[in-house]
Amino acid sequence: MPDSTGSLSARDIRARLSGTQPAEDPTLIDVAVATRGWRPGFRERLSDTLAPAAVLIPIVDRPDGLSVLFTRRSAKLKHHSGQVSFPGGRMEVCDVDIVETALRETGEELGIHPHQVEVAGFLSPIATLTGYAVTPVVGLLADDTRLTLDHTEVESVFEVPLGYLLDPASQRHGSSNLDRVAFPLEFHFDGQRIWGATAAILIALRDALLQENGLRPHASRRA
């Protein structure tokens, strides 16, 4: 068994997420738990009914180790323009389930066909200020996966080593332009800032991959 985040393999990801399943109703979440750590007044902004949505956490199996693929949203989008995110979006009536939502959105944004994604597991849905219950789907991609970006939605993509993201020493406290309120955690890597719901999903991924296995990551380099 590996003793550091940097030595996690695709096989480890499969094993540690084995048995995880998406919720039958992805909108039925414990808001008190899902919004733990939110600043006063934020929880009250949530609508009574959350809309189902999904994102894919694309983990690429590179020769030198696993890395996580992120998108930077187009500056022309009406909502969350220019922000770092995972490919994903709201569930449509044509989607059979939340997995199809994540894979469909990934295909539309990055040109990745569903058969190119190995679904390794799921994280619990999280609530967003925009009124969505977002289910993170963890997917493994081969090193030779080619991307075709839809530039109406995605400005660019970049990767961050998984070991860096799983190391608590990599997380920072920071502020956002949202009511000048500091979010609990964010990440910075090679000039890229990862915050908000995307950072919260990364924390949940770290908990799922490390805490239940009692692993204590070694320090990784700070970007």
Protein backbone atom coordinates (compact mmCIF):
# COMPACT_ATOMS: atom_id res chain seq x y z
CA MET A 1 0.00 0.00 0.00
CA PRO A 2 1.39 3.42 -0.89
CA ASP A 3 2.53 5.66 1.95
CA SER A 4 2.14 9.05 0.31
CA THR A 5 -0.27 10.90 -1.91
CA GLY A 6 2.30 11.11 -4.66
CA SER A 7 2.41 7.31 -5.05
CA LEU A 8 -1.31 6.74 -5.49
CA SER A 9 -2.08 4.80 -8.66
CA ALA A 10 -5.18 4.33 -10.77
CA ARG A 11 -5.55 0.96 -9.09
CA ASP A 12 -5.59 2.67 -5.69
CA ILE A 13 -8.30 5.08 -6.85
CA ARG A 14 -10.47 2.20 -8.01
CA ALA A 15 -9.98 0.32 -4.73
CA ARG A 16 -10.67 3.26 -2.43
CA LEU A 17 -13.82 4.33 -4.23
CA SER A 18 -15.06 0.79 -4.77
CA GLY A 19 -18.66 0.40 -3.68
CA THR A 20 -19.53 4.10 -3.84
CA GLN A 21 -22.79 4.80 -5.63
CA PRO A 22 -24.64 7.95 -6.66
CA ALA A 23 -27.64 8.83 -4.53
CA GLU A 24 -30.99 7.61 -5.84
CA ASP A 25 -32.21 11.20 -5.56
CA PRO A 26 -29.17 13.50 -5.87
CA THR A 27 -31.20 16.48 -4.64
CA LEU A 28 -31.95 14.96 -1.23
CA ILE A 29 -28.92 16.15 0.70
CA ASP A 30 -28.41 17.24 4.28
CA VAL A 31 -28.08 20.98 3.77
CA ALA A 32 -26.70 21.48 7.28
CA VAL A 33 -23.86 19.09 6.51
CA ALA A 34 -23.39 20.19 2.90
CA THR A 35 -23.06 23.85 3.94
CA ARG A 36 -20.88 23.30 6.98
CA GLY A 37 -18.22 26.00 7.04
CA TRP A 38 -20.29 28.49 5.03
CA ARG A 39 -20.29 32.01 6.35
CA PRO A 40 -23.41 33.34 8.18
CA GLY A 41 -26.21 34.23 5.79
CA PHE A 42 -25.00 32.05 2.91
CA ARG A 43 -27.07 29.00 3.82
CA GLU A 44 -30.24 31.10 3.85
CA ARG A 45 -29.67 31.99 0.20
CA LEU A 46 -30.30 28.44 -0.94
CA SER A 47 -33.62 27.83 -2.64
CA ASP A 48 -36.00 25.33 -1.09
CA THR A 49 -35.47 22.97 -4.01
CA LEU A 50 -32.00 22.22 -5.34
CA ALA A 51 -31.62 21.27 -9.00
CA PRO A 52 -29.61 18.10 -9.77
CA ALA A 53 -26.24 18.56 -11.46
CA ALA A 54 -22.99 16.65 -11.86
CA VAL A 55 -19.32 17.23 -12.57
CA LEU A 56 -16.60 14.85 -13.66
CA ILE A 57 -13.34 14.84 -11.73
CA PRO A 58 -11.04 13.74 -14.59
CA ILE A 59 -7.93 11.99 -13.26
CA VAL A 60 -5.38 11.38 -16.00
CA ASP A 61 -3.01 8.41 -15.69
CA ARG A 62 0.26 10.03 -16.78
CA PRO A 63 3.57 8.10 -16.93
CA ASP A 64 4.95 10.25 -14.10
CA GLY A 65 1.84 9.93 -11.91
CA LEU A 66 -1.81 10.85 -11.70
CA SER A 67 -2.96 14.37 -12.44
CA VAL A 68 -6.32 16.13 -12.24
CA LEU A 69 -7.68 17.95 -15.29
CA PHE A 70 -9.38 21.32 -14.79
CA THR A 71 -11.13 23.71 -17.14
CA ARG A 72 -11.13 27.48 -17.15
CA ARG A 73 -14.58 28.66 -18.14
CA SER A 74 -14.97 31.07 -21.03
CA ALA A 75 -14.94 34.74 -20.11
CA LYS A 76 -18.02 35.16 -22.32
CA LEU A 77 -20.28 32.98 -20.16
CA LYS A 78 -23.02 34.68 -18.16
CA HIS A 79 -22.37 32.69 -14.97
CA HIS A 80 -19.00 31.86 -13.36
CA SER A 81 -17.10 33.29 -16.31
CA GLY A 82 -13.35 32.80 -16.17
CA GLN A 83 -13.48 30.52 -13.13
CA VAL A 84 -11.64 27.24 -12.74
CA SER A 85 -14.00 24.28 -12.64
CA PHE A 86 -14.58 20.65 -13.52
CA PRO A 87 -16.54 19.77 -16.66
CA GLY A 88 -20.21 19.40 -15.79
CA GLY A 89 -23.60 21.01 -15.56
CA ARG A 90 -27.24 20.55 -14.68
CA MET A 91 -29.12 17.31 -15.29
CA GLU A 92 -31.30 17.38 -18.39
CA VAL A 93 -34.51 15.44 -19.00
CA CYS A 94 -32.67 13.38 -21.62
CA ASP A 95 -30.17 12.08 -19.06
CA VAL A 96 -30.87 8.58 -17.76
CA ASP A 97 -29.00 9.28 -14.53
CA ILE A 98 -26.49 11.63 -12.94
CA VAL A 99 -23.57 9.69 -14.45
CA GLU A 100 -24.87 10.38 -17.93
CA THR A 101 -25.09 14.05 -16.99
CA ALA A 102 -21.40 14.18 -16.06
CA LEU A 103 -20.29 12.25 -19.14
CA ARG A 104 -22.53 14.18 -21.53
CA GLU A 105 -21.28 17.53 -20.24
CA THR A 106 -17.68 16.35 -20.41
CA GLY A 107 -18.20 15.30 -24.00
CA GLU A 108 -19.76 18.62 -24.91
CA GLU A 109 -17.07 20.71 -23.22
CA LEU A 110 -13.92 18.67 -23.88
CA GLY A 111 -14.78 16.30 -26.71
CA ILE A 112 -14.17 13.24 -24.54
CA HIS A 113 -16.41 10.31 -25.50
CA PRO A 114 -18.08 8.45 -22.61
CA HIS A 115 -16.28 5.21 -23.53
CA GLN A 116 -12.96 7.00 -22.86
CA VAL A 117 -13.89 7.56 -19.21
CA GLU A 118 -13.61 4.81 -16.61
CA VAL A 119 -15.99 5.76 -13.81
CA ALA A 120 -14.12 4.88 -10.62
CA GLY A 121 -16.61 6.12 -8.01
CA PHE A 122 -18.67 8.93 -6.58
CA LEU A 123 -18.55 11.58 -3.86
CA SER A 124 -21.54 12.86 -1.90
CA PRO A 125 -23.50 15.68 -3.56
CA ILE A 126 -22.60 19.21 -2.47
CA ALA A 127 -24.83 22.28 -2.41
CA THR A 128 -23.91 25.44 -4.30
CA LEU A 129 -24.99 29.02 -3.79
CA THR A 130 -26.48 28.95 -7.27
CA GLY A 131 -29.07 26.38 -6.16
CA TYR A 132 -27.64 23.09 -7.38
CA ALA A 133 -26.98 19.74 -5.74
CA VAL A 134 -23.80 18.68 -7.53
CA THR A 135 -22.71 15.04 -7.61
CA PRO A 136 -18.96 14.64 -8.26
CA VAL A 137 -18.21 11.63 -10.48
CA VAL A 138 -14.60 10.42 -10.36
CA GLY A 139 -13.33 9.31 -13.76
CA LEU A 140 -10.02 7.88 -14.95
CA LEU A 141 -8.61 8.90 -18.32
CA ALA A 142 -5.81 7.25 -20.29
CA ASP A 143 -2.63 9.18 -21.00
CA ASP A 144 -3.43 9.34 -24.73
CA THR A 145 -6.91 10.88 -24.32
CA ARG A 146 -7.29 13.73 -26.81
CA LEU A 147 -9.33 16.85 -26.10
CA THR A 148 -11.41 19.02 -28.41
CA LEU A 149 -12.49 22.11 -26.49
CA ASP A 150 -15.79 23.87 -27.03
CA HIS A 151 -14.47 27.41 -26.72
CA THR A 152 -17.95 28.83 -26.20
CA GLU A 153 -17.77 27.19 -22.76
CA VAL A 154 -14.12 26.41 -22.08
CA GLU A 155 -11.30 28.90 -22.50
CA SER A 156 -8.49 26.50 -21.63
CA VAL A 157 -7.51 23.43 -19.61
CA PHE A 158 -4.66 22.61 -17.27
CA GLU A 159 -3.55 19.78 -14.99
CA VAL A 160 -2.40 19.61 -11.38
CA PRO A 161 -0.61 16.60 -9.85
CA LEU A 162 -3.03 14.63 -7.69
CA GLY A 163 -0.43 14.36 -4.93
CA TYR A 164 -0.24 18.14 -4.68
CA LEU A 165 -4.01 18.48 -4.30
CA LEU A 166 -4.22 15.76 -1.66
CA ASP A 167 -1.53 17.35 0.48
CA PRO A 168 -3.07 19.61 3.19
CA ALA A 169 0.03 21.80 2.97
CA SER A 170 -1.14 22.89 -0.49
CA GLN A 171 -4.40 24.47 0.64
CA ARG A 172 -4.70 28.14 1.52
CA HIS A 173 -7.22 30.54 2.95
CA GLY A 174 -8.32 33.26 0.62
CA SER A 175 -10.97 35.78 -0.28
CA SER A 176 -13.32 36.04 -3.22
CA ASN A 177 -15.29 38.80 -4.88
CA LEU A 178 -18.48 37.26 -3.52
CA ASP A 179 -19.56 39.78 -0.87
CA ARG A 180 -15.89 40.12 0.09
CA VAL A 181 -16.23 36.96 2.14
CA ALA A 182 -13.32 34.59 2.68
CA PHE A 183 -13.90 31.01 1.58
CA PRO A 184 -12.52 28.30 3.88
CA LEU A 185 -9.97 26.84 1.48
CA GLU A 186 -8.49 27.28 -1.95
CA PHE A 187 -5.52 26.02 -3.95
CA HIS A 188 -2.92 27.81 -6.06
CA PHE A 189 -0.77 26.06 -8.65
CA ASP A 190 1.35 27.60 -11.40
CA GLY A 191 -0.68 30.79 -11.38
CA GLN A 192 -4.04 29.02 -11.29
CA ARG A 193 -6.49 29.67 -8.45
CA ILE A 194 -8.95 26.90 -7.53
CA TRP A 195 -11.65 27.97 -5.09
CA GLY A 196 -15.35 27.75 -4.24
CA ALA A 197 -17.27 24.58 -5.01
CA THR A 198 -14.35 23.14 -7.00
CA ALA A 199 -12.04 23.43 -3.99
CA ALA A 200 -14.74 21.93 -1.75
CA ILE A 201 -14.97 18.93 -4.08
CA LEU A 202 -11.19 18.48 -3.92
CA ILE A 203 -11.33 18.43 -0.11
CA ALA A 204 -14.06 15.78 -0.28
CA LEU A 205 -11.92 13.77 -2.72
CA ARG A 206 -8.95 13.97 -0.39
CA ASP A 207 -11.07 12.76 2.53
CA ALA A 208 -12.39 9.84 0.47
CA LEU A 209 -8.95 8.75 -0.75
CA LEU A 210 -6.88 9.27 2.39
CA GLN A 211 -8.69 9.59 5.72
CA GLU A 212 -10.48 6.25 5.71
CA ASN A 213 -7.16 4.57 4.97
CA GLY A 214 -5.28 6.31 7.74
CA LEU A 215 -2.67 7.71 5.39
CA ARG A 216 -0.61 10.77 6.26
CA PRO A 217 0.68 12.48 3.11
CA HIS A 218 4.26 13.67 2.82
CA ALA A 219 4.78 17.36 2.13
CA SER A 220 4.62 18.27 -1.54
CA ARG A 221 6.12 21.28 -3.24
CA ARG A 222 4.25 24.55 -2.91
CA ALA A 223 3.36 26.28 -6.15
